[in-house]
Amino acid sequence: MAVPAIRALRQDAPGGRLLVAGPWATLLGEQALADVLVTYPRSWSGRLSTADTVRGFGGSTAVLLPNSFEAAVSAVYWGARRRIGFAVGGRSALLTDRVELPEPRRHQVDEYLLLVERLGVAADLREPRLVPPDPASPARRRVRALLAEAGVDVPCGRARLVGVHLGAAYGSAKVWDPERAVELCRLLGARGDVAVLLGASSDVPVVETVRRASGAPSLAGRDGPDLLMALLAELDALACGDTGVAHLAAALGTPVVALFGPTDPRLTAPRGPVAVIRGDAPCAPCFYRACPIDHPCMRGIGAGAVLERLDALLAVRA
């Protein structure tokens, strides 16, 4: 969701130097969006060394996309004379340009663009777009090898490869009901399409439950950040919860059916070739990380509805 803001900065100042620091910065490696990419680690020791790296860049202006106090303190340490960010979290005194959060809140893409507008930068595109890795690239070849090792065989003709992603770093509340995922895999297989289960290493237990019940192959735990873009580019479509994977796939042009329950698609739905399905529950969106009851929002999203939206997206793509 930061890509439109970063792209607008790059286009507005083609002669300037731009550094992007964030947990997923390396995903932008081949996108010509920045001069320097710095992975922002989650461990404190790693963050301190990263702060020194960014300080050495000598940037004069810092645009702070996160709303954390830490981000503002970091920008001061970096030596940025101009520090632009939303005036939240008790950090206003650390900002030179205090931007008020809009009320009502806007989509995250549009809120990020409010920050770069303070620099007089206007965006001509509010939909994240990324160039997928070349089909002949080592990453794409490695992904095809992993798919073959997992037993994925996509017959010629009209068969499609559909990713079913089960997991969310935010918390279990965003995860689709495993029984519904099993049903979707079976529906896809019954008509000759191939479902492949995806997820991080921490998602393997849930994915294994679905794999055993459905017989669908799994790449969970093997689709790390270095291969994620290549993997998503190999798919014909993706069914996914409200996760960063959904945004990345859509930005690469892979059709996505995004399943929303505890969060609000008006604020964080992927933009691009996307169909959003909202779980019908009176308590949604609650923004809980773990559901304290029986997860009615995500359980209420049926496999048939997901398949219908997948077919509609694939028909447009064809």
C-alpha atoms as a PDB file:
ATOM      1  CA  MET A   1       0.000   0.000   0.000  1.00  0.00           C
ATOM      2  CA  ALA A   2       3.030   2.301   0.253  1.00  0.00           C
ATOM      3  CA  VAL A   3       3.980   1.802  -3.401  1.00  0.00           C
ATOM      4  CA  PRO A   4       1.894   4.676  -4.878  1.00  0.00           C
ATOM      5  CA  ALA A   5       3.426   7.134  -2.391  1.00  0.00           C
ATOM      6  CA  ILE A   6       6.954   5.867  -3.048  1.00  0.00           C
ATOM      7  CA  ARG A   7       6.395   5.946  -6.807  1.00  0.00           C
ATOM      8  CA  ALA A   8       5.082   9.524  -6.604  1.00  0.00           C
ATOM      9  CA  LEU A   9       8.199  10.615  -4.705  1.00  0.00           C
ATOM     10  CA  ARG A  10      10.472   8.953  -7.259  1.00  0.00           C
ATOM     11  CA  GLN A  11       8.680  10.528 -10.225  1.00  0.00           C
ATOM     12  CA  ASP A  12       8.606  13.974  -8.654  1.00  0.00           C
ATOM     13  CA  ALA A  13      12.334  14.106  -7.959  1.00  0.00           C
ATOM     14  CA  PRO A  14      14.125  11.947 -10.565  1.00  0.00           C
ATOM     15  CA  GLY A  15      17.457  13.572  -9.725  1.00  0.00           C
ATOM     16  CA  GLY A  16      17.173  13.052  -5.988  1.00  0.00           C
ATOM     17  CA  ARG A  17      18.186  10.021  -3.949  1.00  0.00           C
ATOM     18  CA  LEU A  18      15.556   7.961  -2.208  1.00  0.00           C
ATOM     19  CA  LEU A  19      16.002   5.380   0.561  1.00  0.00           C
ATOM     20  CA  VAL A  20      13.197   3.038   1.582  1.00  0.00           C
ATOM     21  CA  ALA A  21      13.419   1.279   4.942  1.00  0.00           C
ATOM     22  CA  GLY A  22      10.894  -1.312   6.055  1.00  0.00           C
ATOM     23  CA  PRO A  23      10.427  -5.003   6.920  1.00  0.00           C
ATOM     24  CA  TRP A  24       9.606  -5.880   3.300  1.00  0.00           C
ATOM     25  CA  ALA A  25      11.855  -3.376   1.508  1.00  0.00           C
ATOM     26  CA  THR A  26      13.728  -6.090  -0.403  1.00  0.00           C
ATOM     27  CA  LEU A  27      10.539  -6.989  -2.284  1.00  0.00           C
ATOM     28  CA  LEU A  28      11.011  -3.729  -4.194  1.00  0.00           C
ATOM     29  CA  GLY A  29      14.482  -4.713  -5.371  1.00  0.00           C
ATOM     30  CA  GLU A  30      13.758  -4.872  -9.099  1.00  0.00           C
ATOM     31  CA  GLN A  31      11.131  -2.131  -9.239  1.00  0.00           C
ATOM     32  CA  ALA A  32      13.344   0.972  -9.731  1.00  0.00           C
ATOM     33  CA  LEU A  33      11.516   2.720  -6.901  1.00  0.00           C
ATOM     34  CA  ALA A  34      14.478   3.641  -4.683  1.00  0.00           C
ATOM     35  CA  ASP A  35      18.233   4.064  -4.748  1.00  0.00           C
ATOM     36  CA  VAL A  36      18.747   2.239  -1.444  1.00  0.00           C
ATOM     37  CA  LEU A  37      16.594  -0.456   0.143  1.00  0.00           C
ATOM     38  CA  VAL A  38      17.074  -1.259   3.810  1.00  0.00           C
ATOM     39  CA  THR A  39      15.327  -4.168   5.488  1.00  0.00           C
ATOM     40  CA  TYR A  40      13.980  -3.012   8.837  1.00  0.00           C
ATOM     41  CA  PRO A  41      14.317  -5.988  11.193  1.00  0.00           C
ATOM     42  CA  ARG A  42      11.993  -6.808  14.045  1.00  0.00           C
ATOM     43  CA  SER A  43      14.726  -7.459  16.633  1.00  0.00           C
ATOM     44  CA  TRP A  44      15.980  -4.472  18.644  1.00  0.00           C
ATOM     45  CA  SER A  45      19.647  -5.221  18.018  1.00  0.00           C
ATOM     46  CA  GLY A  46      18.991  -5.309  14.301  1.00  0.00           C
ATOM     47  CA  ARG A  47      17.011  -2.076  14.452  1.00  0.00           C
ATOM     48  CA  LEU A  48      19.916  -0.217  16.041  1.00  0.00           C
ATOM     49  CA  SER A  49      22.360  -1.242  13.325  1.00  0.00           C
ATOM     50  CA  THR A  50      19.756  -0.401  10.691  1.00  0.00           C
ATOM     51  CA  ALA A  51      19.315   3.062  12.178  1.00  0.00           C
ATOM     52  CA  ASP A  52      23.042   3.667  11.732  1.00  0.00           C
ATOM     53  CA  THR A  53      22.812   2.527   8.103  1.00  0.00           C
ATOM     54  CA  VAL A  54      19.999   4.960   7.370  1.00  0.00           C
ATOM     55  CA  ARG A  55      21.782   7.756   9.247  1.00  0.00           C
ATOM     56  CA  GLY A  56      24.776   7.239   6.977  1.00  0.00           C
ATOM     57  CA  PHE A  57      22.563   7.868   3.943  1.00  0.00           C
ATOM     58  CA  GLY A  58      22.320  11.536   4.990  1.00  0.00           C
ATOM     59  CA  GLY A  59      18.717  12.098   3.987  1.00  0.00           C
ATOM     60  CA  SER A  60      17.387  15.597   4.533  1.00  0.00           C
ATOM     61  CA  THR A  61      13.689  14.643   4.576  1.00  0.00           C
ATOM     62  CA  ALA A  62      11.935  11.679   6.181  1.00  0.00           C
ATOM     63  CA  VAL A  63       8.387  10.671   5.281  1.00  0.00           C
ATOM     64  CA  LEU A  64       7.141   8.480   8.138  1.00  0.00           C
ATOM     65  CA  LEU A  65       4.502   6.038   6.947  1.00  0.00           C
ATOM     66  CA  PRO A  66       4.207   4.158  10.276  1.00  0.00           C
ATOM     67  CA  ASN A  67       2.333   6.012  13.017  1.00  0.00           C
ATOM     68  CA  SER A  68       4.639   4.768  15.767  1.00  0.00           C
ATOM     69  CA  PHE A  69       6.602   6.895  18.214  1.00  0.00           C
ATOM     70  CA  GLU A  70       9.669   4.836  17.329  1.00  0.00           C
ATOM     71  CA  ALA A  71       9.497   5.946  13.698  1.00  0.00           C
ATOM     72  CA  ALA A  72       9.648   9.609  14.708  1.00  0.00           C
ATOM     73  CA  VAL A  73      12.536   9.025  17.143  1.00  0.00           C
ATOM     74  CA  SER A  74      14.387   7.144  14.403  1.00  0.00           C
ATOM     75  CA  ALA A  75      13.958  10.034  11.971  1.00  0.00           C
ATOM     76  CA  VAL A  76      15.488  12.414  14.501  1.00  0.00           C
ATOM     77  CA  TYR A  77      18.434  10.039  14.932  1.00  0.00           C
ATOM     78  CA  TRP A  78      18.828   9.767  11.163  1.00  0.00           C
ATOM     79  CA  GLY A  79      19.446  13.506  11.062  1.00  0.00           C
ATOM     80  CA  ALA A  80      16.514  14.306   8.785  1.00  0.00           C
ATOM     81  CA  ARG A  81      15.910  18.043   9.072  1.00  0.00           C
ATOM     82  CA  ARG A  82      12.353  17.702   7.794  1.00  0.00           C
ATOM     83  CA  ARG A  83      10.176  14.986   9.335  1.00  0.00           C
ATOM     84  CA  ILE A  84       6.675  14.444   7.945  1.00  0.00           C
ATOM     85  CA  GLY A  85       4.135  12.231   9.666  1.00  0.00           C
ATOM     86  CA  PHE A  86       0.709  11.960  11.198  1.00  0.00           C
ATOM     87  CA  ALA A  87       0.371  13.765  14.514  1.00  0.00           C
ATOM     88  CA  VAL A  88      -0.508  10.732  16.634  1.00  0.00           C
ATOM     89  CA  GLY A  89       1.000   8.668  19.438  1.00  0.00           C
ATOM     90  CA  GLY A  90       2.445  11.594  21.396  1.00  0.00           C
ATOM     91  CA  ARG A  91       5.114  12.254  18.774  1.00  0.00           C
ATOM     92  CA  SER A  92       4.048  15.676  17.463  1.00  0.00           C
ATOM     93  CA  ALA A  93       7.038  17.452  19.042  1.00  0.00           C
ATOM     94  CA  LEU A  94       9.361  15.230  16.995  1.00  0.00           C
ATOM     95  CA  LEU A  95       7.762  16.161  13.658  1.00  0.00           C
ATOM     96  CA  THR A  96       8.445  19.288  11.627  1.00  0.00           C
ATOM     97  CA  ASP A  97       5.368  18.692   9.462  1.00  0.00           C
ATOM     98  CA  ARG A  98       2.405  17.458  11.494  1.00  0.00           C
ATOM     99  CA  VAL A  99      -0.376  16.022   9.360  1.00  0.00           C
ATOM    100  CA  GLU A 100      -3.730  15.407  10.990  1.00  0.00           C
ATOM    101  CA  LEU A 101      -5.300  12.000  10.459  1.00  0.00           C
ATOM    102  CA  PRO A 102      -8.415  12.406   8.299  1.00  0.00           C
ATOM    103  CA  GLU A 103     -11.808  11.850   9.843  1.00  0.00           C
ATOM    104  CA  PRO A 104     -13.412   9.659   8.714  1.00  0.00           C
ATOM    105  CA  ARG A 105     -10.354   7.550   8.008  1.00  0.00           C
ATOM    106  CA  ARG A 106      -9.390   6.880   4.393  1.00  0.00           C
ATOM    107  CA  HIS A 107      -7.936   3.857   2.673  1.00  0.00           C
ATOM    108  CA  GLN A 108      -4.340   3.273   3.757  1.00  0.00           C
ATOM    109  CA  VAL A 109      -3.046   4.010   0.250  1.00  0.00           C
ATOM    110  CA  ASP A 110      -4.723   7.415   0.298  1.00  0.00           C
ATOM    111  CA  GLU A 111      -3.505   8.240   3.798  1.00  0.00           C
ATOM    112  CA  TYR A 112       0.075   7.526   2.780  1.00  0.00           C
ATOM    113  CA  LEU A 113      -0.387   9.844  -0.189  1.00  0.00           C
ATOM    114  CA  LEU A 114      -1.516  12.623   2.165  1.00  0.00           C
ATOM    115  CA  LEU A 115       1.979  12.573   3.650  1.00  0.00           C
ATOM    116  CA  VAL A 116       3.844  12.978   0.356  1.00  0.00           C
ATOM    117  CA  GLU A 117       1.381  15.692  -0.694  1.00  0.00           C
ATOM    118  CA  ARG A 118       2.909  17.807   2.086  1.00  0.00           C
ATOM    119  CA  LEU A 119       5.995  17.915  -0.165  1.00  0.00           C
ATOM    120  CA  GLY A 120       3.899  19.144  -3.076  1.00  0.00           C
ATOM    121  CA  VAL A 121       3.966  15.713  -4.673  1.00  0.00           C
ATOM    122  CA  ALA A 122       0.831  14.579  -6.488  1.00  0.00           C
ATOM    123  CA  ALA A 123       0.201  10.933  -7.363  1.00  0.00           C
ATOM    124  CA  ASP A 124      -1.144  10.003 -10.778  1.00  0.00           C
ATOM    125  CA  LEU A 125      -1.813   6.415  -9.706  1.00  0.00           C
ATOM    126  CA  ARG A 126      -3.533   5.225  -6.534  1.00  0.00           C
ATOM    127  CA  GLU A 127      -3.327   1.535  -7.330  1.00  0.00           C
ATOM    128  CA  PRO A 128      -0.135  -0.322  -6.348  1.00  0.00           C
ATOM    129  CA  ARG A 129       1.575  -1.859  -9.359  1.00  0.00           C
ATOM    130  CA  LEU A 130       4.685  -3.992  -9.420  1.00  0.00           C
ATOM    131  CA  VAL A 131       6.492  -5.727 -12.280  1.00  0.00           C
ATOM    132  CA  PRO A 132       6.494  -9.520 -11.820  1.00  0.00           C
ATOM    133  CA  PRO A 133       9.776 -11.420 -12.123  1.00  0.00           C
ATOM    134  CA  ASP A 134      10.569 -12.566 -15.637  1.00  0.00           C
ATOM    135  CA  PRO A 135       9.308 -16.110 -16.377  1.00  0.00           C
ATOM    136  CA  ALA A 136      12.888 -17.146 -17.192  1.00  0.00           C
ATOM    137  CA  SER A 137      14.349 -15.694 -13.995  1.00  0.00           C
ATOM    138  CA  PRO A 138      16.030 -17.990 -11.435  1.00  0.00           C
ATOM    139  CA  ALA A 139      13.282 -17.243  -8.903  1.00  0.00           C
ATOM    140  CA  ARG A 140      10.495 -18.277 -11.286  1.00  0.00           C
ATOM    141  CA  ARG A 141      12.392 -21.443 -12.235  1.00  0.00           C
ATOM    142  CA  ARG A 142      12.920 -22.262  -8.555  1.00  0.00           C
ATOM    143  CA  VAL A 143       9.214 -21.824  -7.839  1.00  0.00           C
ATOM    144  CA  ARG A 144       8.267 -24.145 -10.683  1.00  0.00           C
ATOM    145  CA  ALA A 145      10.696 -26.710  -9.280  1.00  0.00           C
ATOM    146  CA  LEU A 146       9.132 -26.398  -5.810  1.00  0.00           C
ATOM    147  CA  LEU A 147       5.675 -26.847  -7.298  1.00  0.00           C
ATOM    148  CA  ALA A 148       6.827 -29.981  -9.092  1.00  0.00           C
ATOM    149  CA  GLU A 149       8.401 -31.331  -5.883  1.00  0.00           C
ATOM    150  CA  ALA A 150       5.094 -30.755  -4.106  1.00  0.00           C
ATOM    151  CA  GLY A 151       3.301 -32.801  -6.762  1.00  0.00           C
ATOM    152  CA  VAL A 152       1.659 -29.884  -8.533  1.00  0.00           C
ATOM    153  CA  ASP A 153       0.764 -30.882 -12.054  1.00  0.00           C
ATOM    154  CA  VAL A 154      -1.222 -28.342 -14.048  1.00  0.00           C
ATOM    155  CA  PRO A 155      -2.612 -30.081 -17.138  1.00  0.00           C
ATOM    156  CA  CYS A 156      -2.644 -28.275 -20.441  1.00  0.00           C
ATOM    157  CA  GLY A 157      -5.847 -26.636 -21.562  1.00  0.00           C
ATOM    158  CA  ARG A 158      -8.195 -24.737 -19.289  1.00  0.00           C
ATOM    159  CA  ALA A 159      -6.859 -25.889 -15.920  1.00  0.00           C
ATOM    160  CA  ARG A 160      -5.772 -23.072 -13.607  1.00  0.00           C
ATOM    161  CA  LEU A 161      -3.406 -22.934 -10.645  1.00  0.00           C
ATOM    162  CA  VAL A 162      -5.143 -21.278  -7.698  1.00  0.00           C
ATOM    163  CA  GLY A 163      -3.337 -20.399  -4.498  1.00  0.00           C
ATOM    164  CA  VAL A 164      -5.226 -20.754  -1.219  1.00  0.00           C
ATOM    165  CA  HIS A 165      -3.354 -18.793   1.420  1.00  0.00           C
ATOM    166  CA  LEU A 166      -4.040 -19.712   5.040  1.00  0.00           C
ATOM    167  CA  GLY A 167      -2.443 -17.394   7.529  1.00  0.00           C
ATOM    168  CA  ALA A 168      -2.119 -13.831   8.724  1.00  0.00           C
ATOM    169  CA  ALA A 169       0.586 -12.184  10.802  1.00  0.00           C
ATOM    170  CA  TYR A 170      -2.098  -9.942  12.323  1.00  0.00           C
ATOM    171  CA  GLY A 171      -3.708 -12.858  14.142  1.00  0.00           C
ATOM    172  CA  SER A 172      -5.952 -15.878  13.800  1.00  0.00           C
ATOM    173  CA  ALA A 173      -9.089 -13.752  13.444  1.00  0.00           C
ATOM    174  CA  LYS A 174      -8.194 -13.027   9.806  1.00  0.00           C
ATOM    175  CA  VAL A 175      -7.771 -16.689   8.848  1.00  0.00           C
ATOM    176  CA  TRP A 176     -10.463 -18.377   6.786  1.00  0.00           C
ATOM    177  CA  ASP A 177     -12.195 -21.388   8.302  1.00  0.00           C
ATOM    178  CA  PRO A 178     -10.185 -24.561   7.436  1.00  0.00           C
ATOM    179  CA  GLU A 179     -13.347 -26.522   6.604  1.00  0.00           C
ATOM    180  CA  ARG A 180     -14.303 -23.931   3.991  1.00  0.00           C
ATOM    181  CA  ALA A 181     -10.776 -24.055   2.572  1.00  0.00           C
ATOM    182  CA  VAL A 182     -11.015 -27.834   2.250  1.00  0.00           C
ATOM    183  CA  GLU A 183     -14.276 -27.473   0.376  1.00  0.00           C
ATOM    184  CA  LEU A 184     -12.796 -24.919  -2.028  1.00  0.00           C
ATOM    185  CA  CYS A 185      -9.830 -27.178  -2.795  1.00  0.00           C
ATOM    186  CA  ARG A 186     -12.194 -30.057  -3.528  1.00  0.00           C
ATOM    187  CA  LEU A 187     -14.408 -27.925  -5.777  1.00  0.00           C
ATOM    188  CA  LEU A 188     -11.399 -26.740  -7.757  1.00  0.00           C
ATOM    189  CA  GLY A 189      -9.996 -30.258  -8.096  1.00  0.00           C
ATOM    190  CA  ALA A 190     -13.342 -31.727  -9.157  1.00  0.00           C
ATOM    191  CA  ARG A 191     -13.390 -29.572 -12.265  1.00  0.00           C
ATOM    192  CA  GLY A 192      -9.719 -30.067 -13.159  1.00  0.00           C
ATOM    193  CA  ASP A 193      -8.148 -26.972 -11.631  1.00  0.00           C
ATOM    194  CA  VAL A 194      -5.316 -27.230  -9.112  1.00  0.00           C
ATOM    195  CA  ALA A 195      -5.350 -25.662  -5.648  1.00  0.00           C
ATOM    196  CA  VAL A 196      -2.010 -25.152  -3.904  1.00  0.00           C
ATOM    197  CA  LEU A 197      -1.912 -24.305  -0.211  1.00  0.00           C
ATOM    198  CA  LEU A 198       0.268 -21.405   0.891  1.00  0.00           C
ATOM    199  CA  GLY A 199       1.374 -19.902   4.182  1.00  0.00           C
ATOM    200  CA  ALA A 200       4.317 -19.049   6.376  1.00  0.00           C
ATOM    201  CA  SER A 201       6.159 -21.561   8.542  1.00  0.00           C
ATOM    202  CA  SER A 202       3.957 -20.601  11.484  1.00  0.00           C
ATOM    203  CA  ASP A 203       0.884 -21.534   9.433  1.00  0.00           C
ATOM    204  CA  VAL A 204       2.022 -25.088   8.702  1.00  0.00           C
ATOM    205  CA  PRO A 205      -0.160 -26.790  11.378  1.00  0.00           C
ATOM    206  CA  VAL A 206      -3.364 -25.266   9.966  1.00  0.00           C
ATOM    207  CA  VAL A 207      -2.261 -25.868   6.389  1.00  0.00           C
ATOM    208  CA  GLU A 208      -1.473 -29.502   7.156  1.00  0.00           C
ATOM    209  CA  THR A 209      -4.997 -30.003   8.463  1.00  0.00           C
ATOM    210  CA  VAL A 210      -6.395 -28.714   5.181  1.00  0.00           C
ATOM    211  CA  ARG A 211      -3.880 -30.677   3.116  1.00  0.00           C
ATOM    212  CA  ARG A 212      -4.747 -33.991   4.747  1.00  0.00           C
ATOM    213  CA  ALA A 213      -8.477 -33.428   4.335  1.00  0.00           C
ATOM    214  CA  SER A 214      -8.375 -32.122   0.778  1.00  0.00           C
ATOM    215  CA  GLY A 215      -5.335 -33.778  -0.787  1.00  0.00           C
ATOM    216  CA  ALA A 216      -4.198 -30.396  -2.103  1.00  0.00           C
ATOM    217  CA  PRO A 217      -0.408 -29.910  -2.370  1.00  0.00           C
ATOM    218  CA  SER A 218       1.250 -27.459  -0.008  1.00  0.00           C
ATOM    219  CA  LEU A 219       4.107 -24.982  -0.254  1.00  0.00           C
ATOM    220  CA  ALA A 220       3.526 -23.599   3.249  1.00  0.00           C
ATOM    221  CA  GLY A 221       6.798 -22.653   4.874  1.00  0.00           C
ATOM    222  CA  ARG A 222       8.683 -22.842   1.589  1.00  0.00           C
ATOM    223  CA  ASP A 223       7.392 -19.674  -0.099  1.00  0.00           C
ATOM    224  CA  GLY A 224       9.718 -17.264   1.726  1.00  0.00           C
ATOM    225  CA  PRO A 225      10.143 -13.558   0.916  1.00  0.00           C
ATOM    226  CA  ASP A 226      12.852 -14.296  -1.648  1.00  0.00           C
ATOM    227  CA  LEU A 227      10.433 -16.413  -3.712  1.00  0.00           C
ATOM    228  CA  LEU A 228       7.073 -14.883  -2.831  1.00  0.00           C
ATOM    229  CA  MET A 229       6.770 -12.533  -5.814  1.00  0.00           C
ATOM    230  CA  ALA A 230       7.804 -15.290  -8.213  1.00  0.00           C
ATOM    231  CA  LEU A 231       5.291 -17.684  -6.681  1.00  0.00           C
ATOM    232  CA  LEU A 232       2.411 -15.225  -6.857  1.00  0.00           C
ATOM    233  CA  ALA A 233       3.283 -14.500 -10.483  1.00  0.00           C
ATOM    234  CA  GLU A 234       2.997 -18.211 -11.305  1.00  0.00           C
ATOM    235  CA  LEU A 235      -0.578 -18.390  -9.984  1.00  0.00           C
ATOM    236  CA  ASP A 236      -3.656 -17.836 -12.095  1.00  0.00           C
ATOM    237  CA  ALA A 237      -5.514 -16.547  -9.034  1.00  0.00           C
ATOM    238  CA  LEU A 238      -5.342 -16.373  -5.247  1.00  0.00           C
ATOM    239  CA  ALA A 239      -7.873 -16.770  -2.445  1.00  0.00           C
ATOM    240  CA  CYS A 240      -6.564 -15.035   0.642  1.00  0.00           C
ATOM    241  CA  GLY A 241      -7.493 -13.250   3.843  1.00  0.00           C
ATOM    242  CA  ASP A 242      -6.676  -9.631   4.606  1.00  0.00           C
ATOM    243  CA  THR A 243      -2.896 -10.037   4.473  1.00  0.00           C
ATOM    244  CA  GLY A 244       0.113  -8.458   2.824  1.00  0.00           C
ATOM    245  CA  VAL A 245       0.213 -11.414   0.436  1.00  0.00           C
ATOM    246  CA  ALA A 246      -3.141 -10.336  -0.997  1.00  0.00           C
ATOM    247  CA  HIS A 247      -1.819  -6.825  -1.662  1.00  0.00           C
ATOM    248  CA  LEU A 248       1.377  -8.122  -3.228  1.00  0.00           C
ATOM    249  CA  ALA A 249      -0.458 -10.521  -5.542  1.00  0.00           C
ATOM    250  CA  ALA A 250      -2.869  -7.821  -6.714  1.00  0.00           C
ATOM    251  CA  ALA A 251      -0.003  -5.401  -7.357  1.00  0.00           C
ATOM    252  CA  LEU A 252       1.654  -8.049  -9.553  1.00  0.00           C
ATOM    253  CA  GLY A 253      -1.577  -8.448 -11.543  1.00  0.00           C
ATOM    254  CA  THR A 254      -2.645 -11.809 -10.097  1.00  0.00           C
ATOM    255  CA  PRO A 255      -6.428 -11.841  -9.491  1.00  0.00           C
ATOM    256  CA  VAL A 256      -7.288 -12.008  -5.794  1.00  0.00           C
ATOM    257  CA  VAL A 257     -10.428 -12.932  -3.886  1.00  0.00           C
ATOM    258  CA  ALA A 258      -9.854 -11.176  -0.564  1.00  0.00           C
ATOM    259  CA  LEU A 259     -11.791 -12.456   2.450  1.00  0.00           C
ATOM    260  CA  PHE A 260     -12.592  -9.880   5.127  1.00  0.00           C
ATOM    261  CA  GLY A 261     -14.043 -10.478   8.559  1.00  0.00           C
ATOM    262  CA  PRO A 262     -12.551  -8.661  11.551  1.00  0.00           C
ATOM    263  CA  THR A 263     -11.078  -5.801   9.488  1.00  0.00           C
ATOM    264  CA  ASP A 264     -12.605  -3.155   7.234  1.00  0.00           C
ATOM    265  CA  PRO A 265     -12.052  -3.415   3.456  1.00  0.00           C
ATOM    266  CA  ARG A 266     -12.829   0.291   3.099  1.00  0.00           C
ATOM    267  CA  LEU A 267      -9.503   0.934   4.828  1.00  0.00           C
ATOM    268  CA  THR A 268      -7.229  -1.905   3.727  1.00  0.00           C
ATOM    269  CA  ALA A 269      -8.699  -3.858   0.791  1.00  0.00           C
ATOM    270  CA  PRO A 270      -6.170  -4.632  -1.957  1.00  0.00           C
ATOM    271  CA  ARG A 271      -6.519  -2.507  -5.072  1.00  0.00           C
ATOM    272  CA  GLY A 272      -6.271  -4.002  -8.537  1.00  0.00           C
ATOM    273  CA  PRO A 273      -7.838  -7.193  -9.958  1.00  0.00           C
ATOM    274  CA  VAL A 274      -9.610  -7.910  -6.668  1.00  0.00           C
ATOM    275  CA  ALA A 275     -12.994  -9.155  -5.485  1.00  0.00           C
ATOM    276  CA  VAL A 276     -13.748  -8.592  -1.801  1.00  0.00           C
ATOM    277  CA  ILE A 277     -16.033 -10.880   0.186  1.00  0.00           C
ATOM    278  CA  ARG A 278     -17.095  -9.661   3.609  1.00  0.00           C
ATOM    279  CA  GLY A 279     -18.134 -12.096   6.304  1.00  0.00           C
ATOM    280  CA  ASP A 280     -21.701 -11.358   7.348  1.00  0.00           C
ATOM    281  CA  ALA A 281     -21.665 -10.959  11.124  1.00  0.00           C
ATOM    282  CA  PRO A 282     -23.166  -8.211  13.308  1.00  0.00           C
ATOM    283  CA  CYS A 283     -19.880  -7.863  15.232  1.00  0.00           C
ATOM    284  CA  ALA A 284     -17.714  -7.240  12.167  1.00  0.00           C
ATOM    285  CA  PRO A 285     -15.455  -5.410  11.803  1.00  0.00           C
ATOM    286  CA  CYS A 286     -14.213  -5.810  15.377  1.00  0.00           C
ATOM    287  CA  PHE A 287     -10.444  -5.530  14.670  1.00  0.00           C
ATOM    288  CA  TYR A 288      -9.723  -8.274  17.208  1.00  0.00           C
ATOM    289  CA  ARG A 289      -6.607 -10.342  16.553  1.00  0.00           C
ATOM    290  CA  ALA A 290      -8.250 -13.458  17.946  1.00  0.00           C
ATOM    291  CA  CYS A 291     -12.001 -14.050  17.904  1.00  0.00           C
ATOM    292  CA  PRO A 292     -13.450 -14.496  21.414  1.00  0.00           C
ATOM    293  CA  ILE A 293     -16.480 -16.388  20.074  1.00  0.00           C
ATOM    294  CA  ASP A 294     -17.023 -18.809  17.172  1.00  0.00           C
ATOM    295  CA  HIS A 295     -15.506 -16.678  14.395  1.00  0.00           C
ATOM    296  CA  PRO A 296     -18.872 -16.122  12.661  1.00  0.00           C
ATOM    297  CA  CYS A 297     -17.590 -13.585  10.133  1.00  0.00           C
ATOM    298  CA  MET A 298     -14.970 -15.823   8.501  1.00  0.00           C
ATOM    299  CA  ARG A 299     -16.971 -19.019   8.990  1.00  0.00           C
ATOM    300  CA  GLY A 300     -19.822 -17.354   7.133  1.00  0.00           C
ATOM    301  CA  ILE A 301     -17.816 -17.076   3.903  1.00  0.00           C
ATOM    302  CA  GLY A 302     -18.705 -20.158   1.880  1.00  0.00           C
ATOM    303  CA  ALA A 303     -16.464 -21.945  -0.599  1.00  0.00           C
ATOM    304  CA  GLY A 304     -19.077 -21.585  -3.322  1.00  0.00           C
ATOM    305  CA  ALA A 305     -19.061 -17.799  -3.014  1.00  0.00           C
ATOM    306  CA  VAL A 306     -15.267 -17.731  -3.233  1.00  0.00           C
ATOM    307  CA  LEU A 307     -15.293 -19.973  -6.303  1.00  0.00           C
ATOM    308  CA  GLU A 308     -17.876 -17.758  -7.978  1.00  0.00           C
ATOM    309  CA  ARG A 309     -15.729 -14.656  -7.468  1.00  0.00           C
ATOM    310  CA  LEU A 310     -12.615 -16.494  -8.653  1.00  0.00           C
ATOM    311  CA  ASP A 311     -14.385 -17.478 -11.849  1.00  0.00           C
ATOM    312  CA  ALA A 312     -15.524 -13.909 -12.473  1.00  0.00           C
ATOM    313  CA  LEU A 313     -11.976 -12.589 -12.089  1.00  0.00           C
ATOM    314  CA  LEU A 314     -10.498 -15.322 -14.281  1.00  0.00           C
ATOM    315  CA  ALA A 315     -13.080 -14.617 -16.978  1.00  0.00           C
ATOM    316  CA  VAL A 316     -11.973 -10.973 -17.079  1.00  0.00           C
ATOM    317  CA  ARG A 317      -8.329 -11.990 -17.212  1.00  0.00           C
ATOM    318  CA  ALA A 318      -8.967 -14.391 -20.079  1.00  0.00           C
END
